[in-house]
Amino acid sequence: MTEEKKPAKVPHSLIVENRRALTATGVSNVDSFDEQTVVAYTDLGQLVIHGSQLKINKLNIETGELTLNGEIVSLTYTENKPVGGFISRLFK
């Protein structure tokens, strides 16, 4: 039998330097990205980064590290939502 290795949870942190560079740890996935928006997932919720000329320099899911450059306008967290939605909770 092979044992599946789950990545260890890494503490989540954000470092923003002069609104031009961002380093994040504890990133488990990046859902989408373009020059204006990067959507990343952390254990603390979804992180949406808005700006202009955003460019991902490094993304390592194994270590949970994300670095990007560009003009950072805003950072927004949304809560992790339970899978299944309202109907599945009704019939528990």
N, C-alpha and C. Protein backbone atom coordinates (compact mmCIF):
# COMPACT_ATOMS: atom_id res chain seq x y z
N MET A 1 0.83 -1.19 0.00
CA MET A 1 0.00 0.00 0.00
C MET A 1 0.87 1.24 0.00
N THR A 2 0.48 2.20 -0.78
CA THR A 2 1.19 3.47 -0.75
C THR A 2 0.42 4.45 0.11
N GLU A 3 1.17 5.19 0.84
CA GLU A 3 0.56 6.16 1.73
C GLU A 3 0.59 7.53 1.07
N GLU A 4 -0.57 8.18 0.98
CA GLU A 4 -0.63 9.49 0.37
C GLU A 4 -0.09 10.53 1.33
N LYS A 5 0.82 11.35 0.85
CA LYS A 5 1.38 12.40 1.69
C LYS A 5 0.56 13.66 1.52
N LYS A 6 0.08 14.18 2.63
CA LYS A 6 -0.64 15.44 2.61
C LYS A 6 0.35 16.53 2.99
N PRO A 7 0.30 17.66 2.29
CA PRO A 7 1.21 18.72 2.64
C PRO A 7 0.92 19.23 4.05
N ALA A 8 1.97 19.46 4.80
CA ALA A 8 1.81 19.99 6.15
C ALA A 8 1.28 21.41 6.08
N LYS A 9 0.42 21.74 7.01
CA LYS A 9 -0.12 23.09 7.04
C LYS A 9 0.99 24.05 7.44
N VAL A 10 1.12 25.10 6.65
CA VAL A 10 2.13 26.12 6.89
C VAL A 10 1.39 27.35 7.42
N PRO A 11 1.92 28.00 8.45
CA PRO A 11 1.27 29.21 8.93
C PRO A 11 1.12 30.24 7.80
N HIS A 12 0.00 30.92 7.80
CA HIS A 12 -0.27 31.91 6.76
C HIS A 12 0.28 33.27 7.19
N SER A 13 1.02 33.89 6.30
CA SER A 13 1.50 35.25 6.54
C SER A 13 1.53 36.01 5.23
N LEU A 14 1.45 37.34 5.34
CA LEU A 14 1.53 38.22 4.18
C LEU A 14 2.57 39.30 4.45
N ILE A 15 3.40 39.56 3.46
CA ILE A 15 4.33 40.67 3.53
C ILE A 15 4.11 41.49 2.26
N VAL A 16 3.77 42.76 2.42
CA VAL A 16 3.58 43.66 1.30
C VAL A 16 4.64 44.74 1.41
N GLU A 17 5.44 44.89 0.37
CA GLU A 17 6.50 45.88 0.37
C GLU A 17 6.17 47.01 -0.60
N ASN A 18 5.95 48.21 -0.06
CA ASN A 18 5.70 49.42 -0.85
C ASN A 18 4.57 49.25 -1.88
N ARG A 19 3.63 48.37 -1.58
CA ARG A 19 2.49 48.09 -2.46
C ARG A 19 2.93 47.66 -3.85
N ARG A 20 4.16 47.17 -3.98
CA ARG A 20 4.68 46.72 -5.27
C ARG A 20 5.07 45.24 -5.26
N ALA A 21 5.28 44.65 -4.10
CA ALA A 21 5.69 43.25 -4.01
C ALA A 21 4.94 42.59 -2.86
N LEU A 22 4.50 41.35 -3.07
CA LEU A 22 3.78 40.61 -2.05
C LEU A 22 4.39 39.22 -1.93
N THR A 23 4.59 38.80 -0.69
CA THR A 23 5.00 37.43 -0.40
C THR A 23 3.97 36.85 0.56
N ALA A 24 3.41 35.70 0.21
CA ALA A 24 2.42 35.04 1.05
C ALA A 24 2.88 33.61 1.32
N THR A 25 2.68 33.16 2.56
CA THR A 25 2.93 31.76 2.90
C THR A 25 1.60 31.14 3.32
N GLY A 26 1.54 29.82 3.33
CA GLY A 26 0.31 29.13 3.69
C GLY A 26 -0.70 29.11 2.56
N VAL A 27 -0.24 29.27 1.32
CA VAL A 27 -1.12 29.24 0.15
C VAL A 27 -1.26 27.79 -0.31
N SER A 28 -2.50 27.31 -0.41
CA SER A 28 -2.73 25.93 -0.81
C SER A 28 -3.04 25.77 -2.29
N ASN A 29 -3.48 26.87 -2.95
CA ASN A 29 -3.81 26.79 -4.37
C ASN A 29 -4.03 28.19 -4.91
N VAL A 30 -3.84 28.37 -6.21
CA VAL A 30 -4.22 29.60 -6.90
C VAL A 30 -5.28 29.21 -7.91
N ASP A 31 -6.46 29.80 -7.76
CA ASP A 31 -7.60 29.45 -8.60
C ASP A 31 -7.50 30.13 -9.96
N SER A 32 -7.21 31.43 -9.96
CA SER A 32 -7.12 32.16 -11.22
C SER A 32 -6.22 33.37 -11.03
N PHE A 33 -5.72 33.86 -12.15
CA PHE A 33 -4.89 35.06 -12.08
C PHE A 33 -4.84 35.72 -13.46
N ASP A 34 -4.74 37.03 -13.43
CA ASP A 34 -4.46 37.82 -14.62
C ASP A 34 -3.75 39.08 -14.14
N GLU A 35 -3.61 40.09 -14.99
CA GLU A 35 -2.86 41.28 -14.60
C GLU A 35 -3.58 42.14 -13.56
N GLN A 36 -4.89 41.92 -13.36
CA GLN A 36 -5.64 42.73 -12.40
C GLN A 36 -6.03 41.98 -11.13
N THR A 37 -6.12 40.65 -11.18
CA THR A 37 -6.65 39.90 -10.04
C THR A 37 -5.93 38.56 -9.89
N VAL A 38 -5.60 38.23 -8.64
CA VAL A 38 -5.06 36.92 -8.30
C VAL A 38 -5.96 36.36 -7.20
N VAL A 39 -6.48 35.14 -7.39
CA VAL A 39 -7.33 34.48 -6.41
C VAL A 39 -6.56 33.28 -5.87
N ALA A 40 -6.21 33.35 -4.57
CA ALA A 40 -5.45 32.29 -3.93
C ALA A 40 -6.24 31.73 -2.75
N TYR A 41 -6.00 30.46 -2.42
CA TYR A 41 -6.66 29.82 -1.29
C TYR A 41 -5.66 29.58 -0.18
N THR A 42 -6.09 29.88 1.05
CA THR A 42 -5.31 29.63 2.25
C THR A 42 -6.20 28.89 3.24
N ASP A 43 -5.62 28.41 4.33
CA ASP A 43 -6.43 27.76 5.36
C ASP A 43 -7.35 28.74 6.07
N LEU A 44 -7.07 30.03 5.93
CA LEU A 44 -7.87 31.06 6.60
C LEU A 44 -8.93 31.65 5.69
N GLY A 45 -9.03 31.16 4.46
CA GLY A 45 -10.04 31.65 3.53
C GLY A 45 -9.43 32.00 2.19
N GLN A 46 -10.29 32.40 1.29
CA GLN A 46 -9.87 32.80 -0.05
C GLN A 46 -9.27 34.20 0.02
N LEU A 47 -8.13 34.41 -0.62
CA LEU A 47 -7.46 35.70 -0.66
C LEU A 47 -7.54 36.21 -2.09
N VAL A 48 -8.14 37.40 -2.26
CA VAL A 48 -8.24 38.02 -3.58
C VAL A 48 -7.36 39.26 -3.57
N ILE A 49 -6.42 39.31 -4.51
CA ILE A 49 -5.49 40.43 -4.62
C ILE A 49 -5.86 41.19 -5.89
N HIS A 50 -6.17 42.48 -5.74
CA HIS A 50 -6.51 43.33 -6.89
C HIS A 50 -5.37 44.32 -7.11
N GLY A 51 -5.15 44.66 -8.36
CA GLY A 51 -4.11 45.63 -8.69
C GLY A 51 -3.99 45.78 -10.18
N SER A 52 -2.81 46.22 -10.61
CA SER A 52 -2.53 46.33 -12.03
C SER A 52 -1.12 45.82 -12.30
N GLN A 53 -0.94 45.30 -13.47
CA GLN A 53 0.34 44.72 -13.89
C GLN A 53 0.84 43.65 -12.90
N LEU A 54 -0.10 42.87 -12.34
CA LEU A 54 0.28 41.82 -11.39
C LEU A 54 0.94 40.67 -12.14
N LYS A 55 2.04 40.19 -11.60
CA LYS A 55 2.79 39.09 -12.21
C LYS A 55 3.24 38.15 -11.10
N ILE A 56 2.87 36.87 -11.21
CA ILE A 56 3.31 35.88 -10.23
C ILE A 56 4.75 35.50 -10.55
N ASN A 57 5.63 35.72 -9.58
CA ASN A 57 7.04 35.38 -9.75
C ASN A 57 7.32 33.95 -9.31
N LYS A 58 6.66 33.53 -8.23
CA LYS A 58 6.92 32.19 -7.69
C LYS A 58 5.64 31.66 -7.07
N LEU A 59 5.35 30.40 -7.38
CA LEU A 59 4.24 29.70 -6.75
C LEU A 59 4.71 28.28 -6.49
N ASN A 60 4.79 27.93 -5.21
CA ASN A 60 5.20 26.58 -4.82
C ASN A 60 4.14 26.05 -3.86
N ILE A 61 3.28 25.19 -4.36
CA ILE A 61 2.18 24.65 -3.56
C ILE A 61 2.72 23.74 -2.45
N GLU A 62 3.82 23.05 -2.72
CA GLU A 62 4.39 22.16 -1.70
C GLU A 62 4.84 22.91 -0.46
N THR A 63 5.45 24.09 -0.65
CA THR A 63 5.90 24.89 0.50
C THR A 63 4.87 25.95 0.89
N GLY A 64 3.86 26.17 0.02
CA GLY A 64 2.82 27.15 0.31
C GLY A 64 3.25 28.58 0.08
N GLU A 65 4.26 28.80 -0.76
CA GLU A 65 4.79 30.15 -0.97
C GLU A 65 4.32 30.73 -2.30
N LEU A 66 3.90 32.00 -2.25
CA LEU A 66 3.49 32.76 -3.42
C LEU A 66 4.18 34.11 -3.36
N THR A 67 4.82 34.51 -4.45
CA THR A 67 5.38 35.86 -4.54
C THR A 67 4.88 36.48 -5.83
N LEU A 68 4.57 37.77 -5.78
CA LEU A 68 4.13 38.48 -6.97
C LEU A 68 4.57 39.93 -6.91
N ASN A 69 4.62 40.55 -8.09
CA ASN A 69 4.96 41.97 -8.23
C ASN A 69 3.87 42.66 -9.02
N GLY A 70 3.80 43.96 -8.88
CA GLY A 70 2.83 44.78 -9.59
C GLY A 70 2.33 45.84 -8.64
N GLU A 71 1.37 46.62 -9.08
CA GLU A 71 0.78 47.64 -8.21
C GLU A 71 -0.39 47.01 -7.46
N ILE A 72 -0.23 46.83 -6.15
CA ILE A 72 -1.25 46.18 -5.32
C ILE A 72 -2.22 47.24 -4.82
N VAL A 73 -3.49 47.07 -5.15
CA VAL A 73 -4.52 48.04 -4.78
C VAL A 73 -5.29 47.57 -3.54
N SER A 74 -5.63 46.26 -3.49
CA SER A 74 -6.39 45.77 -2.34
C SER A 74 -6.16 44.29 -2.13
N LEU A 75 -6.35 43.88 -0.88
CA LEU A 75 -6.30 42.47 -0.46
C LEU A 75 -7.60 42.20 0.27
N THR A 76 -8.31 41.14 -0.13
CA THR A 76 -9.60 40.83 0.49
C THR A 76 -9.65 39.34 0.82
N TYR A 77 -10.11 39.04 2.03
CA TYR A 77 -10.33 37.65 2.43
C TYR A 77 -11.82 37.36 2.40
N THR A 78 -12.18 36.15 1.95
CA THR A 78 -13.54 35.67 2.10
C THR A 78 -13.45 34.35 2.87
N GLU A 79 -14.47 34.04 3.61
CA GLU A 79 -14.48 32.83 4.44
C GLU A 79 -14.54 31.59 3.58
N ASN A 80 -13.93 30.52 4.08
CA ASN A 80 -14.09 29.21 3.44
C ASN A 80 -15.53 28.78 3.63
N LYS A 81 -16.16 28.40 2.54
CA LYS A 81 -17.57 27.99 2.61
C LYS A 81 -17.65 26.47 2.65
N PRO A 82 -18.57 25.93 3.46
CA PRO A 82 -18.72 24.47 3.51
C PRO A 82 -19.17 23.93 2.16
N VAL A 83 -18.66 22.78 1.80
CA VAL A 83 -19.02 22.14 0.55
C VAL A 83 -20.44 21.59 0.66
N GLY A 84 -21.24 21.77 -0.38
CA GLY A 84 -22.57 21.20 -0.38
C GLY A 84 -23.67 22.24 -0.32
N GLY A 85 -23.43 23.35 0.32
CA GLY A 85 -24.40 24.42 0.34
C GLY A 85 -25.58 24.20 1.27
N PHE A 86 -26.60 24.99 1.08
CA PHE A 86 -27.76 25.06 1.95
C PHE A 86 -28.57 23.76 1.96
N ILE A 87 -28.82 23.19 0.79
CA ILE A 87 -29.67 22.00 0.70
C ILE A 87 -29.05 20.81 1.45
N SER A 88 -27.74 20.61 1.30
CA SER A 88 -27.12 19.47 1.99
C SER A 88 -27.16 19.64 3.50
N ARG A 89 -27.11 20.89 3.97
CA ARG A 89 -27.21 21.12 5.42
C ARG A 89 -28.61 20.88 5.94
N LEU A 90 -29.62 21.09 5.10
CA LEU A 90 -31.01 20.85 5.49
C LEU A 90 -31.25 19.37 5.79
N PHE A 91 -30.64 18.50 5.01
CA PHE A 91 -30.92 17.07 5.12
C PHE A 91 -29.87 16.30 5.89
N LYS A 92 -29.13 16.95 6.73
CA LYS A 92 -28.15 16.26 7.58
C LYS A 92 -28.83 15.47 8.66
